[in-house]
Amino acid sequence: MPKKALPKKWEKSEKSIRAVQIAFELSTKVSNVLKDEAGFSGLSTSDQIRKIIGLTIKPPKRPRLTITLSHDDYQQLSAKYQLNIDDKSGIRQAIRDDLVNYCQSKIDRYENKS
């Protein structure tokens, strides 16, 4: 059966589509070391593994962190931030502010130790 041509806008993604994700079951200690090293290197855990095994690493176009939220999570967060449960962007901004504030206190501590 002949291979179907991909739409033009998908051609650049063909290699990514054909990539295979593999998972490793490692001890908690090994996983923590990999995560810590990745963080200190400014890499994702996946990129840290690629670095260790000698594969190329492409810098992210838009570095970002993700979280998956359920309806129950949104209910809790809307109550916490006193926002309407349908105000997803407001909740997102409040989470972002919490993360920045949390990390800024850690950054300040590290910088004051130097």
N, C-alpha and C. Protein backbone atom coordinates (compact mmCIF):
# COMPACT_ATOMS: atom_id res chain seq x y z
N MET A 1 0.85 -1.18 0.00
CA MET A 1 0.00 0.00 0.00
C MET A 1 0.89 1.24 0.00
N PRO A 2 0.68 2.18 -0.93
CA PRO A 2 1.54 3.36 -1.00
C PRO A 2 1.34 4.27 0.21
N LYS A 3 2.43 4.94 0.59
CA LYS A 3 2.39 5.86 1.72
C LYS A 3 1.64 7.13 1.33
N LYS A 4 0.68 7.55 2.17
CA LYS A 4 -0.09 8.76 1.90
C LYS A 4 0.78 9.98 2.18
N ALA A 5 0.64 10.98 1.36
CA ALA A 5 1.36 12.24 1.57
C ALA A 5 0.73 12.98 2.75
N LEU A 6 1.62 13.54 3.57
CA LEU A 6 1.15 14.33 4.69
C LEU A 6 0.78 15.73 4.22
N PRO A 7 -0.18 16.37 4.89
CA PRO A 7 -0.44 17.76 4.56
C PRO A 7 0.83 18.59 4.77
N LYS A 8 1.02 19.61 3.99
CA LYS A 8 2.24 20.44 4.04
C LYS A 8 2.55 20.91 5.47
N LYS A 9 1.52 21.37 6.18
CA LYS A 9 1.76 21.93 7.51
C LYS A 9 2.21 20.86 8.52
N TRP A 10 2.08 19.58 8.20
CA TRP A 10 2.49 18.50 9.10
C TRP A 10 3.87 17.96 8.77
N GLU A 11 4.42 18.31 7.62
CA GLU A 11 5.68 17.71 7.18
C GLU A 11 6.81 17.90 8.18
N LYS A 12 6.91 19.07 8.79
CA LYS A 12 7.98 19.34 9.75
C LYS A 12 7.82 18.49 11.02
N SER A 13 6.61 18.09 11.31
CA SER A 13 6.33 17.31 12.52
C SER A 13 6.46 15.81 12.31
N GLU A 14 6.71 15.37 11.09
CA GLU A 14 6.71 13.94 10.80
C GLU A 14 7.71 13.17 11.66
N LYS A 15 8.92 13.73 11.83
CA LYS A 15 9.92 13.04 12.66
C LYS A 15 9.45 12.93 14.10
N SER A 16 8.85 14.00 14.62
CA SER A 16 8.35 13.97 15.99
C SER A 16 7.23 12.96 16.16
N ILE A 17 6.37 12.89 15.15
CA ILE A 17 5.26 11.94 15.21
C ILE A 17 5.78 10.52 15.29
N ARG A 18 6.88 10.25 14.62
CA ARG A 18 7.43 8.91 14.57
C ARG A 18 8.36 8.59 15.75
N ALA A 19 8.64 9.58 16.60
CA ALA A 19 9.49 9.36 17.77
C ALA A 19 8.78 8.43 18.75
N VAL A 20 9.56 7.71 19.53
CA VAL A 20 9.01 6.76 20.50
C VAL A 20 9.47 7.18 21.89
N GLN A 21 8.53 7.31 22.79
CA GLN A 21 8.87 7.64 24.17
C GLN A 21 9.12 6.36 24.93
N ILE A 22 10.21 6.32 25.69
CA ILE A 22 10.48 5.15 26.53
C ILE A 22 10.56 5.62 27.98
N ALA A 23 10.18 4.74 28.89
CA ALA A 23 10.18 5.05 30.31
C ALA A 23 11.14 4.12 31.03
N PHE A 24 11.68 4.61 32.13
CA PHE A 24 12.61 3.82 32.94
C PHE A 24 12.08 3.75 34.36
N GLU A 25 12.14 2.58 34.94
CA GLU A 25 11.81 2.43 36.35
C GLU A 25 13.13 2.37 37.10
N LEU A 26 13.44 3.46 37.79
CA LEU A 26 14.70 3.58 38.51
C LEU A 26 14.41 3.80 39.99
N SER A 27 15.40 3.61 40.81
CA SER A 27 15.20 3.85 42.24
C SER A 27 14.92 5.33 42.47
N THR A 28 14.30 5.62 43.58
CA THR A 28 13.99 7.00 43.93
C THR A 28 15.28 7.82 44.00
N LYS A 29 16.34 7.24 44.54
CA LYS A 29 17.61 7.97 44.66
C LYS A 29 18.15 8.35 43.29
N VAL A 30 18.14 7.40 42.35
CA VAL A 30 18.64 7.67 41.00
C VAL A 30 17.76 8.72 40.33
N SER A 31 16.46 8.58 40.44
CA SER A 31 15.54 9.56 39.85
C SER A 31 15.77 10.96 40.42
N ASN A 32 15.95 11.04 41.73
CA ASN A 32 16.18 12.34 42.36
C ASN A 32 17.48 12.97 41.90
N VAL A 33 18.53 12.17 41.75
CA VAL A 33 19.80 12.71 41.26
C VAL A 33 19.62 13.26 39.85
N LEU A 34 18.95 12.50 38.98
CA LEU A 34 18.72 12.97 37.62
C LEU A 34 17.91 14.26 37.59
N LYS A 35 16.87 14.33 38.40
CA LYS A 35 16.04 15.54 38.45
C LYS A 35 16.83 16.73 39.00
N ASP A 36 17.60 16.50 40.07
CA ASP A 36 18.40 17.58 40.64
C ASP A 36 19.44 18.09 39.65
N GLU A 37 20.15 17.17 39.00
CA GLU A 37 21.16 17.55 38.02
C GLU A 37 20.52 18.33 36.87
N ALA A 38 19.37 17.89 36.43
CA ALA A 38 18.67 18.58 35.35
C ALA A 38 18.33 20.00 35.78
N GLY A 39 17.79 20.13 36.98
CA GLY A 39 17.44 21.46 37.48
C GLY A 39 18.63 22.37 37.59
N PHE A 40 19.72 21.87 38.12
CA PHE A 40 20.93 22.70 38.26
C PHE A 40 21.52 23.06 36.91
N SER A 41 21.29 22.22 35.91
CA SER A 41 21.81 22.48 34.56
C SER A 41 20.84 23.29 33.71
N GLY A 42 19.65 23.55 34.25
CA GLY A 42 18.65 24.28 33.49
C GLY A 42 18.04 23.44 32.37
N LEU A 43 18.00 22.13 32.59
CA LEU A 43 17.47 21.21 31.58
C LEU A 43 16.24 20.50 32.12
N SER A 44 15.45 19.96 31.21
CA SER A 44 14.37 19.06 31.62
C SER A 44 15.02 17.72 31.98
N THR A 45 14.31 16.90 32.70
CA THR A 45 14.85 15.58 33.04
C THR A 45 15.14 14.79 31.76
N SER A 46 14.25 14.89 30.79
CA SER A 46 14.44 14.21 29.52
C SER A 46 15.73 14.68 28.83
N ASP A 47 15.96 15.99 28.81
CA ASP A 47 17.20 16.51 28.19
C ASP A 47 18.44 16.10 28.99
N GLN A 48 18.32 16.01 30.30
CA GLN A 48 19.46 15.56 31.12
C GLN A 48 19.82 14.12 30.75
N ILE A 49 18.82 13.28 30.57
CA ILE A 49 19.08 11.89 30.16
C ILE A 49 19.72 11.87 28.79
N ARG A 50 19.21 12.68 27.85
CA ARG A 50 19.80 12.75 26.51
C ARG A 50 21.27 13.18 26.60
N LYS A 51 21.57 14.14 27.46
CA LYS A 51 22.94 14.62 27.63
C LYS A 51 23.84 13.49 28.15
N ILE A 52 23.36 12.77 29.14
CA ILE A 52 24.16 11.69 29.75
C ILE A 52 24.48 10.61 28.73
N ILE A 53 23.51 10.27 27.88
CA ILE A 53 23.75 9.17 26.93
C ILE A 53 24.32 9.66 25.60
N GLY A 54 24.65 10.96 25.54
CA GLY A 54 25.36 11.47 24.38
C GLY A 54 24.51 11.87 23.19
N LEU A 55 23.24 12.15 23.40
CA LEU A 55 22.38 12.61 22.31
C LEU A 55 22.32 14.13 22.30
N THR A 56 21.94 14.69 21.16
CA THR A 56 21.85 16.14 21.06
C THR A 56 20.65 16.66 21.85
N ILE A 57 20.77 17.90 22.26
CA ILE A 57 19.72 18.57 23.01
C ILE A 57 19.40 19.87 22.28
N LYS A 58 18.13 20.07 21.98
CA LYS A 58 17.70 21.31 21.35
C LYS A 58 17.15 22.22 22.44
N PRO A 59 17.63 23.46 22.50
CA PRO A 59 17.07 24.36 23.51
C PRO A 59 15.58 24.58 23.26
N PRO A 60 14.79 24.64 24.33
CA PRO A 60 13.35 24.80 24.14
C PRO A 60 13.03 26.16 23.50
N LYS A 61 12.03 26.16 22.63
CA LYS A 61 11.61 27.41 22.01
C LYS A 61 10.90 28.29 23.03
N ARG A 62 10.09 27.66 23.84
CA ARG A 62 9.37 28.37 24.90
C ARG A 62 9.44 27.53 26.16
N PRO A 63 10.45 27.74 26.99
CA PRO A 63 10.54 26.93 28.21
C PRO A 63 9.29 27.14 29.07
N ARG A 64 8.72 26.05 29.52
CA ARG A 64 7.52 26.16 30.34
C ARG A 64 7.40 24.96 31.26
N LEU A 65 6.66 25.16 32.30
CA LEU A 65 6.33 24.09 33.25
C LEU A 65 4.85 23.82 33.11
N THR A 66 4.46 22.59 33.33
CA THR A 66 3.05 22.25 33.18
C THR A 66 2.52 21.55 34.42
N ILE A 67 1.23 21.62 34.57
CA ILE A 67 0.52 20.92 35.64
C ILE A 67 -0.84 20.54 35.07
N THR A 68 -1.35 19.40 35.47
CA THR A 68 -2.67 18.97 35.05
C THR A 68 -3.63 19.20 36.21
N LEU A 69 -4.71 19.89 35.93
CA LEU A 69 -5.69 20.20 36.97
C LEU A 69 -7.03 19.57 36.64
N SER A 70 -7.60 18.91 37.65
CA SER A 70 -8.94 18.33 37.51
C SER A 70 -9.99 19.38 37.89
N HIS A 71 -11.24 19.02 37.67
CA HIS A 71 -12.33 19.91 38.07
C HIS A 71 -12.27 20.17 39.58
N ASP A 72 -11.98 19.12 40.36
CA ASP A 72 -11.86 19.27 41.82
C ASP A 72 -10.72 20.23 42.18
N ASP A 73 -9.61 20.14 41.44
CA ASP A 73 -8.48 21.06 41.67
C ASP A 73 -8.92 22.51 41.44
N TYR A 74 -9.66 22.72 40.34
CA TYR A 74 -10.14 24.07 40.05
C TYR A 74 -11.09 24.56 41.14
N GLN A 75 -11.90 23.65 41.69
CA GLN A 75 -12.79 24.05 42.79
C GLN A 75 -11.97 24.52 43.99
N GLN A 76 -10.95 23.73 44.36
CA GLN A 76 -10.10 24.10 45.50
C GLN A 76 -9.38 25.42 45.25
N LEU A 77 -8.85 25.57 44.03
CA LEU A 77 -8.08 26.77 43.72
C LEU A 77 -8.97 28.01 43.63
N SER A 78 -10.19 27.84 43.10
CA SER A 78 -11.09 28.99 43.03
C SER A 78 -11.44 29.48 44.44
N ALA A 79 -11.60 28.55 45.36
CA ALA A 79 -11.86 28.93 46.76
C ALA A 79 -10.62 29.58 47.37
N LYS A 80 -9.47 28.98 47.15
CA LYS A 80 -8.22 29.52 47.71
C LYS A 80 -7.96 30.94 47.25
N TYR A 81 -8.12 31.17 45.95
CA TYR A 81 -7.80 32.48 45.37
C TYR A 81 -9.02 33.41 45.32
N GLN A 82 -10.15 32.94 45.83
CA GLN A 82 -11.39 33.70 45.85
C GLN A 82 -11.75 34.19 44.44
N LEU A 83 -11.70 33.26 43.50
CA LEU A 83 -12.04 33.54 42.11
C LEU A 83 -13.15 32.60 41.67
N ASN A 84 -13.87 32.99 40.63
CA ASN A 84 -14.89 32.14 40.06
C ASN A 84 -14.23 30.92 39.43
N ILE A 85 -14.82 29.76 39.60
CA ILE A 85 -14.24 28.53 39.05
C ILE A 85 -14.06 28.61 37.53
N ASP A 86 -14.85 29.42 36.85
CA ASP A 86 -14.73 29.57 35.40
C ASP A 86 -13.64 30.55 34.99
N ASP A 87 -13.05 31.24 35.95
CA ASP A 87 -11.98 32.20 35.65
C ASP A 87 -10.64 31.47 35.58
N LYS A 88 -10.50 30.65 34.53
CA LYS A 88 -9.30 29.81 34.38
C LYS A 88 -8.04 30.66 34.25
N SER A 89 -8.11 31.76 33.52
CA SER A 89 -6.91 32.59 33.35
C SER A 89 -6.55 33.29 34.66
N GLY A 90 -7.54 33.67 35.44
CA GLY A 90 -7.27 34.28 36.75
C GLY A 90 -6.62 33.28 37.69
N ILE A 91 -7.13 32.05 37.68
CA ILE A 91 -6.56 30.99 38.51
C ILE A 91 -5.14 30.70 38.05
N ARG A 92 -4.93 30.64 36.75
CA ARG A 92 -3.60 30.40 36.19
C ARG A 92 -2.63 31.49 36.64
N GLN A 93 -3.07 32.74 36.58
CA GLN A 93 -2.22 33.86 37.01
C GLN A 93 -1.92 33.79 38.50
N ALA A 94 -2.90 33.42 39.31
CA ALA A 94 -2.69 33.30 40.75
C ALA A 94 -1.69 32.19 41.07
N ILE A 95 -1.78 31.07 40.35
CA ILE A 95 -0.81 29.98 40.53
C ILE A 95 0.57 30.48 40.16
N ARG A 96 0.67 31.17 39.01
CA ARG A 96 1.95 31.72 38.56
C ARG A 96 2.55 32.63 39.63
N ASP A 97 1.72 33.51 40.19
CA ASP A 97 2.19 34.43 41.24
C ASP A 97 2.70 33.65 42.46
N ASP A 98 1.95 32.61 42.86
CA ASP A 98 2.39 31.77 43.98
C ASP A 98 3.75 31.13 43.70
N LEU A 99 3.91 30.60 42.49
CA LEU A 99 5.18 29.96 42.13
C LEU A 99 6.33 30.95 42.15
N VAL A 100 6.11 32.13 41.57
CA VAL A 100 7.16 33.15 41.54
C VAL A 100 7.52 33.58 42.96
N ASN A 101 6.51 33.82 43.79
CA ASN A 101 6.79 34.22 45.18
C ASN A 101 7.52 33.13 45.95
N TYR A 102 7.11 31.90 45.78
CA TYR A 102 7.76 30.77 46.45
C TYR A 102 9.23 30.70 46.03
N CYS A 103 9.46 30.76 44.74
CA CYS A 103 10.83 30.63 44.23
C CYS A 103 11.67 31.85 44.56
N GLN A 104 11.06 33.04 44.56
CA GLN A 104 11.83 34.25 44.86
C GLN A 104 12.41 34.20 46.26
N SER A 105 11.65 33.66 47.22
CA SER A 105 12.18 33.55 48.59
C SER A 105 13.38 32.61 48.62
N LYS A 106 13.34 31.55 47.82
CA LYS A 106 14.48 30.62 47.74
C LYS A 106 15.67 31.29 47.06
N ILE A 107 15.41 32.02 45.98
CA ILE A 107 16.47 32.72 45.25
C ILE A 107 17.14 33.74 46.17
N ASP A 108 16.33 34.48 46.92
CA ASP A 108 16.88 35.48 47.85
C ASP A 108 17.78 34.82 48.88
N ARG A 109 17.37 33.65 49.39
CA ARG A 109 18.20 32.94 50.37
C ARG A 109 19.52 32.50 49.76
N TYR A 110 19.48 31.97 48.53
CA TYR A 110 20.71 31.51 47.86
C TYR A 110 21.64 32.68 47.60
N GLU A 111 21.08 33.79 47.15
CA GLU A 111 21.91 34.96 46.83
C GLU A 111 22.51 35.59 48.08
N ASN A 112 21.80 35.54 49.20
CA ASN A 112 22.33 36.11 50.45
C ASN A 112 23.41 35.23 51.06
N LYS A 113 23.46 33.94 50.70
CA LYS A 113 24.51 33.05 51.20
C LYS A 113 25.84 33.31 50.52
N SER A 114 25.79 33.85 49.31
CA SER A 114 27.02 34.08 48.52
C SER A 114 27.80 35.26 49.04
